[in-house]
C-alpha atoms as a PDB file:
ATOM      1  CA  UNK A   1      75.088 -36.772  65.777  1.00  0.00           C
ATOM      2  CA  UNK A   2      71.587 -36.625  66.974  1.00  0.00           C
ATOM      3  CA  UNK A   3      70.620 -38.156  70.261  1.00  0.00           C
ATOM      4  CA  UNK A   4      68.823 -41.465  70.294  1.00  0.00           C
ATOM      5  CA  UNK A   5      65.086 -40.860  69.956  1.00  0.00           C
ATOM      6  CA  UNK A   6      63.488 -43.536  72.144  1.00  0.00           C
ATOM      7  CA  UNK A   7      59.976 -42.150  72.240  1.00  0.00           C
ATOM      8  CA  UNK A   8      60.109 -41.541  68.455  1.00  0.00           C
ATOM      9  CA  UNK A   9      60.902 -45.190  67.854  1.00  0.00           C
ATOM     10  CA  UNK A  10      57.649 -46.301  69.295  1.00  0.00           C
ATOM     11  CA  UNK A  11      55.322 -43.356  68.484  1.00  0.00           C
ATOM     12  CA  UNK A  12      53.214 -44.076  65.373  1.00  0.00           C
ATOM     13  CA  UNK A  13      52.336 -41.590  62.781  1.00  0.00           C
ATOM     14  CA  UNK A  14      49.300 -43.715  61.570  1.00  0.00           C
ATOM     15  CA  UNK A  15      46.290 -44.713  63.616  1.00  0.00           C
ATOM     16  CA  UNK A  16      46.728 -48.444  64.460  1.00  0.00           C
ATOM     17  CA  UNK A  17      43.372 -49.372  62.779  1.00  0.00           C
ATOM     18  CA  UNK A  18      44.616 -47.730  59.506  1.00  0.00           C
ATOM     19  CA  UNK A  19      47.755 -49.883  59.706  1.00  0.00           C
ATOM     20  CA  UNK A  20      45.511 -52.982  60.343  1.00  0.00           C
ATOM     21  CA  UNK A  21      43.374 -52.031  57.425  1.00  0.00           C
ATOM     22  CA  UNK A  22      46.237 -51.180  55.002  1.00  0.00           C
ATOM     23  CA  UNK A  23      47.968 -54.675  55.947  1.00  0.00           C
ATOM     24  CA  UNK A  24      44.673 -56.505  55.402  1.00  0.00           C
ATOM     25  CA  UNK A  25      43.962 -54.959  52.049  1.00  0.00           C
ATOM     26  CA  UNK A  26      47.609 -55.481  50.853  1.00  0.00           C
ATOM     27  CA  UNK A  27      47.556 -59.058  52.089  1.00  0.00           C
ATOM     28  CA  UNK A  28      44.331 -60.018  50.218  1.00  0.00           C
ATOM     29  CA  UNK A  29      45.229 -58.042  47.059  1.00  0.00           C
ATOM     30  CA  UNK A  30      48.659 -59.873  47.048  1.00  0.00           C
ATOM     31  CA  UNK A  31      47.050 -63.226  47.510  1.00  0.00           C
ATOM     32  CA  UNK A  32      44.688 -62.599  44.598  1.00  0.00           C
ATOM     33  CA  UNK A  33      47.574 -61.365  42.207  1.00  0.00           C
ATOM     34  CA  UNK A  34      49.770 -64.244  43.137  1.00  0.00           C
ATOM     35  CA  UNK A  35      46.857 -66.723  42.768  1.00  0.00           C
ATOM     36  CA  UNK A  36      46.195 -65.370  39.313  1.00  0.00           C
ATOM     37  CA  UNK A  37      49.852 -65.666  38.440  1.00  0.00           C
ATOM     38  CA  UNK A  38      49.438 -69.325  38.610  1.00  0.00           C
ATOM     39  CA  UNK A  39      50.350 -72.146  41.141  1.00  0.00           C
ATOM     40  CA  UNK A  40      53.250 -73.684  39.112  1.00  0.00           C
ATOM     41  CA  UNK A  41      55.048 -70.287  39.069  1.00  0.00           C
ATOM     42  CA  UNK A  42      55.922 -70.488  42.744  1.00  0.00           C
ATOM     43  CA  UNK A  43      56.643 -74.217  42.986  1.00  0.00           C
ATOM     44  CA  UNK A  44      60.487 -73.549  42.124  1.00  0.00           C
ATOM     45  CA  UNK A  45      62.542 -70.749  43.546  1.00  0.00           C
ATOM     46  CA  UNK A  46      64.445 -69.365  40.769  1.00  0.00           C
ATOM     47  CA  UNK A  47      66.436 -66.059  40.961  1.00  0.00           C
ATOM     48  CA  UNK A  48      63.559 -64.431  39.092  1.00  0.00           C
ATOM     49  CA  UNK A  49      61.105 -65.499  41.887  1.00  0.00           C
ATOM     50  CA  UNK A  50      63.332 -64.285  44.600  1.00  0.00           C
ATOM     51  CA  UNK A  51      63.806 -60.834  42.876  1.00  0.00           C
ATOM     52  CA  UNK A  52      60.115 -60.682  42.230  1.00  0.00           C
ATOM     53  CA  UNK A  53      59.306 -61.307  45.966  1.00  0.00           C
ATOM     54  CA  UNK A  54      61.917 -58.597  47.155  1.00  0.00           C
ATOM     55  CA  UNK A  55      60.551 -56.046  44.645  1.00  0.00           C
ATOM     56  CA  UNK A  56      56.896 -56.832  45.991  1.00  0.00           C
ATOM     57  CA  UNK A  57      57.965 -56.411  49.449  1.00  0.00           C
ATOM     58  CA  UNK A  58      59.581 -53.078  48.784  1.00  0.00           C
ATOM     59  CA  UNK A  59      56.479 -51.938  46.769  1.00  0.00           C
ATOM     60  CA  UNK A  60      54.009 -53.106  49.452  1.00  0.00           C
ATOM     61  CA  UNK A  61      55.838 -51.721  52.469  1.00  0.00           C
ATOM     62  CA  UNK A  62      54.743 -48.238  51.944  1.00  0.00           C
ATOM     63  CA  UNK A  63      51.220 -49.322  51.208  1.00  0.00           C
ATOM     64  CA  UNK A  64      51.098 -50.827  54.612  1.00  0.00           C
ATOM     65  CA  UNK A  65      52.820 -48.292  56.910  1.00  0.00           C
ATOM     66  CA  UNK A  66      53.223 -45.264  54.605  1.00  0.00           C
ATOM     67  CA  UNK A  67      56.012 -42.972  55.900  1.00  0.00           C
ATOM     68  CA  UNK A  68      55.463 -44.187  59.413  1.00  0.00           C
ATOM     69  CA  UNK A  69      59.021 -45.455  60.612  1.00  0.00           C
ATOM     70  CA  UNK A  70      57.866 -46.421  64.114  1.00  0.00           C
ATOM     71  CA  UNK A  71      58.431 -49.891  65.365  1.00  0.00           C
ATOM     72  CA  UNK A  72      54.793 -49.949  66.628  1.00  0.00           C
ATOM     73  CA  UNK A  73      53.296 -49.653  63.062  1.00  0.00           C
ATOM     74  CA  UNK A  74      56.033 -52.123  61.675  1.00  0.00           C
ATOM     75  CA  UNK A  75      55.055 -54.722  64.401  1.00  0.00           C
ATOM     76  CA  UNK A  76      51.341 -54.075  64.022  1.00  0.00           C
ATOM     77  CA  UNK A  77      51.479 -54.510  60.166  1.00  0.00           C
ATOM     78  CA  UNK A  78      53.502 -57.643  60.346  1.00  0.00           C
ATOM     79  CA  UNK A  79      51.262 -59.023  63.086  1.00  0.00           C
ATOM     80  CA  UNK A  80      48.193 -58.303  60.872  1.00  0.00           C
ATOM     81  CA  UNK A  81      49.801 -60.221  57.920  1.00  0.00           C
ATOM     82  CA  UNK A  82      50.729 -63.138  60.181  1.00  0.00           C
ATOM     83  CA  UNK A  83      47.123 -63.267  61.707  1.00  0.00           C
ATOM     84  CA  UNK A  84      45.497 -63.304  58.236  1.00  0.00           C
ATOM     85  CA  UNK A  85      47.875 -66.155  57.118  1.00  0.00           C
ATOM     86  CA  UNK A  86      47.189 -68.117  60.284  1.00  0.00           C
ATOM     87  CA  UNK A  87      43.468 -67.484  59.956  1.00  0.00           C
ATOM     88  CA  UNK A  88      43.393 -68.768  56.333  1.00  0.00           C
ATOM     89  CA  UNK A  89      45.591 -71.833  57.235  1.00  0.00           C
ATOM     90  CA  UNK A  90      43.282 -72.754  60.040  1.00  0.00           C
ATOM     91  CA  UNK A  91      40.123 -72.265  57.908  1.00  0.00           C
ATOM     92  CA  UNK A  92      41.686 -74.647  55.186  1.00  0.00           C
ATOM     93  CA  UNK A  93      42.490 -77.114  57.841  1.00  0.00           C
ATOM     94  CA  UNK A  94      39.036 -77.080  59.390  1.00  0.00           C
ATOM     95  CA  UNK A  95      36.911 -76.948  56.213  1.00  0.00           C
ATOM     96  CA  UNK A  96      37.334 -78.864  52.920  1.00  0.00           C
ATOM     97  CA  UNK A  97      35.354 -76.102  51.078  1.00  0.00           C
ATOM     98  CA  UNK A  98      37.430 -73.360  52.521  1.00  0.00           C
ATOM     99  CA  UNK A  99      40.494 -75.290  51.578  1.00  0.00           C
ATOM    100  CA  UNK A 100      39.248 -75.567  47.908  1.00  0.00           C
ATOM    101  CA  UNK A 101      38.628 -71.867  47.793  1.00  0.00           C
ATOM    102  CA  UNK A 102      41.799 -70.827  49.503  1.00  0.00           C
ATOM    103  CA  UNK A 103      44.261 -73.369  48.216  1.00  0.00           C
ATOM    104  CA  UNK A 104      42.544 -74.831  45.020  1.00  0.00           C
ATOM    105  CA  UNK A 105      42.337 -78.409  43.893  1.00  0.00           C
ATOM    106  CA  UNK A 106      44.778 -80.652  42.125  1.00  0.00           C
ATOM    107  CA  UNK A 107      44.580 -80.596  38.279  1.00  0.00           C
ATOM    108  CA  UNK A 108      45.069 -83.837  36.518  1.00  0.00           C
ATOM    109  CA  UNK A 109      47.753 -83.538  33.952  1.00  0.00           C
ATOM    110  CA  UNK A 110      48.230 -87.267  32.977  1.00  0.00           C
ATOM    111  CA  UNK A 111      46.036 -90.262  32.997  1.00  0.00           C
ATOM    112  CA  UNK A 112      47.211 -93.756  32.002  1.00  0.00           C
ATOM    113  CA  UNK A 113      50.259 -92.470  30.180  1.00  0.00           C
ATOM    114  CA  UNK A 114      48.135 -89.814  28.204  1.00  0.00           C
ATOM    115  CA  UNK A 115      48.768 -86.168  28.630  1.00  0.00           C
ATOM    116  CA  UNK A 116      45.661 -83.985  29.186  1.00  0.00           C
ATOM    117  CA  UNK A 117      46.619 -81.229  26.880  1.00  0.00           C
ATOM    118  CA  UNK A 118      43.583 -78.903  27.944  1.00  0.00           C
ATOM    119  CA  UNK A 119      44.607 -79.071  31.573  1.00  0.00           C
ATOM    120  CA  UNK A 120      48.338 -78.564  30.619  1.00  0.00           C
ATOM    121  CA  UNK A 121      47.428 -75.468  28.687  1.00  0.00           C
ATOM    122  CA  UNK A 122      45.071 -74.133  31.513  1.00  0.00           C
ATOM    123  CA  UNK A 123      47.878 -74.662  33.996  1.00  0.00           C
ATOM    124  CA  UNK A 124      50.223 -72.598  31.663  1.00  0.00           C
ATOM    125  CA  UNK A 125      52.586 -75.713  31.597  1.00  0.00           C
ATOM    126  CA  UNK A 126      54.393 -76.743  28.517  1.00  0.00           C
ATOM    127  CA  UNK A 127      54.850 -80.408  27.579  1.00  0.00           C
ATOM    128  CA  UNK A 128      58.707 -79.838  27.922  1.00  0.00           C
ATOM    129  CA  UNK A 129      58.271 -78.617  31.492  1.00  0.00           C
ATOM    130  CA  UNK A 130      56.013 -81.488  32.465  1.00  0.00           C
ATOM    131  CA  UNK A 131      58.678 -83.983  30.844  1.00  0.00           C
ATOM    132  CA  UNK A 132      61.386 -82.079  32.819  1.00  0.00           C
ATOM    133  CA  UNK A 133      59.566 -82.673  36.083  1.00  0.00           C
ATOM    134  CA  UNK A 134      59.162 -86.353  35.070  1.00  0.00           C
ATOM    135  CA  UNK A 135      62.778 -86.694  34.544  1.00  0.00           C
ATOM    136  CA  UNK A 136      63.458 -85.416  38.086  1.00  0.00           C
ATOM    137  CA  UNK A 137      61.704 -88.633  39.180  1.00  0.00           C
ATOM    138  CA  UNK A 138      64.063 -90.855  37.139  1.00  0.00           C
ATOM    139  CA  UNK A 139      61.970 -91.535  34.034  1.00  0.00           C
ATOM    140  CA  UNK A 140      61.500 -89.914  30.658  1.00  0.00           C
ATOM    141  CA  UNK A 141      58.441 -91.966  29.580  1.00  0.00           C
ATOM    142  CA  UNK A 142      54.984 -90.613  30.115  1.00  0.00           C
ATOM    143  CA  UNK A 143      53.589 -94.117  29.400  1.00  0.00           C
ATOM    144  CA  UNK A 144      54.864 -95.204  32.802  1.00  0.00           C
ATOM    145  CA  UNK A 145      52.719 -92.607  34.510  1.00  0.00           C
ATOM    146  CA  UNK A 146      49.330 -93.766  35.786  1.00  0.00           C
ATOM    147  CA  UNK A 147      48.289 -90.314  37.105  1.00  0.00           C
ATOM    148  CA  UNK A 148      50.068 -86.954  37.353  1.00  0.00           C
ATOM    149  CA  UNK A 149      48.671 -83.898  39.155  1.00  0.00           C
ATOM    150  CA  UNK A 150      49.538 -80.237  39.446  1.00  0.00           C
ATOM    151  CA  UNK A 151      49.126 -79.815  43.143  1.00  0.00           C
ATOM    152  CA  UNK A 152      47.842 -76.547  44.716  1.00  0.00           C
ATOM    153  CA  UNK A 153      51.294 -75.767  45.952  1.00  0.00           C
ATOM    154  CA  UNK A 154      52.658 -75.917  42.454  1.00  0.00           C
ATOM    155  CA  UNK A 155      54.381 -79.290  42.570  1.00  0.00           C
ATOM    156  CA  UNK A 156      53.715 -82.101  40.221  1.00  0.00           C
ATOM    157  CA  UNK A 157      52.808 -85.352  41.858  1.00  0.00           C
ATOM    158  CA  UNK A 158      53.336 -88.582  39.753  1.00  0.00           C
ATOM    159  CA  UNK A 159      51.682 -91.956  40.510  1.00  0.00           C
ATOM    160  CA  UNK A 160      53.604 -94.460  38.402  1.00  0.00           C
ATOM    161  CA  UNK A 161      52.274 -97.689  36.742  1.00  0.00           C
ATOM    162  CA  UNK A 162      53.653-100.883  38.314  1.00  0.00           C
ATOM    163  CA  UNK A 163      54.451-103.979  36.438  1.00  0.00           C
ATOM    164  CA  UNK A 164      51.927-105.931  38.477  1.00  0.00           C
ATOM    165  CA  UNK A 165      49.170-103.372  37.809  1.00  0.00           C
ATOM    166  CA  UNK A 166      49.108-101.136  40.958  1.00  0.00           C
ATOM    167  CA  UNK A 167      50.530 -97.629  41.143  1.00  0.00           C
ATOM    168  CA  UNK A 168      53.352 -96.174  43.295  1.00  0.00           C
ATOM    169  CA  UNK A 169      53.710 -92.682  44.317  1.00  0.00           C
ATOM    170  CA  UNK A 170      56.440 -90.191  43.514  1.00  0.00           C
ATOM    171  CA  UNK A 171      56.416 -86.658  44.368  1.00  0.00           C
END
């Protein structure tokens, strides 16, 4: 058995700025790819989603730290990813325009009981999936829906018609 290598645990093989650059590039590319995959795809966590995320993390690990096994590079790479995530969240909170770019805007799927087929198609959502999500809220009738939106986080929000005319909100 080899002796424990305390200095080797912390001595990075890569320059710290290279780790920051790699982590930044990977983070921005992953955000772009996941955004193009579609927001509804990540609203539910199926086994396929979990497996995909595990595979992505394995694939991207080497892109961020290469063959560097030091804790210094791992901590620096993780800190860089967290800093970008925090920065984007802060920007979205502070600026409506930034939020639209970073998070997107809701897509109207139903208005006054009528499904917007164009927006449904653009959102890559089938009529059956919309009805399935509606059933989760205790009804099967689209006619009872005043408005429905596909939110930027992938959830569908339903604003239901009321007997008296005003809508109620279900998410």
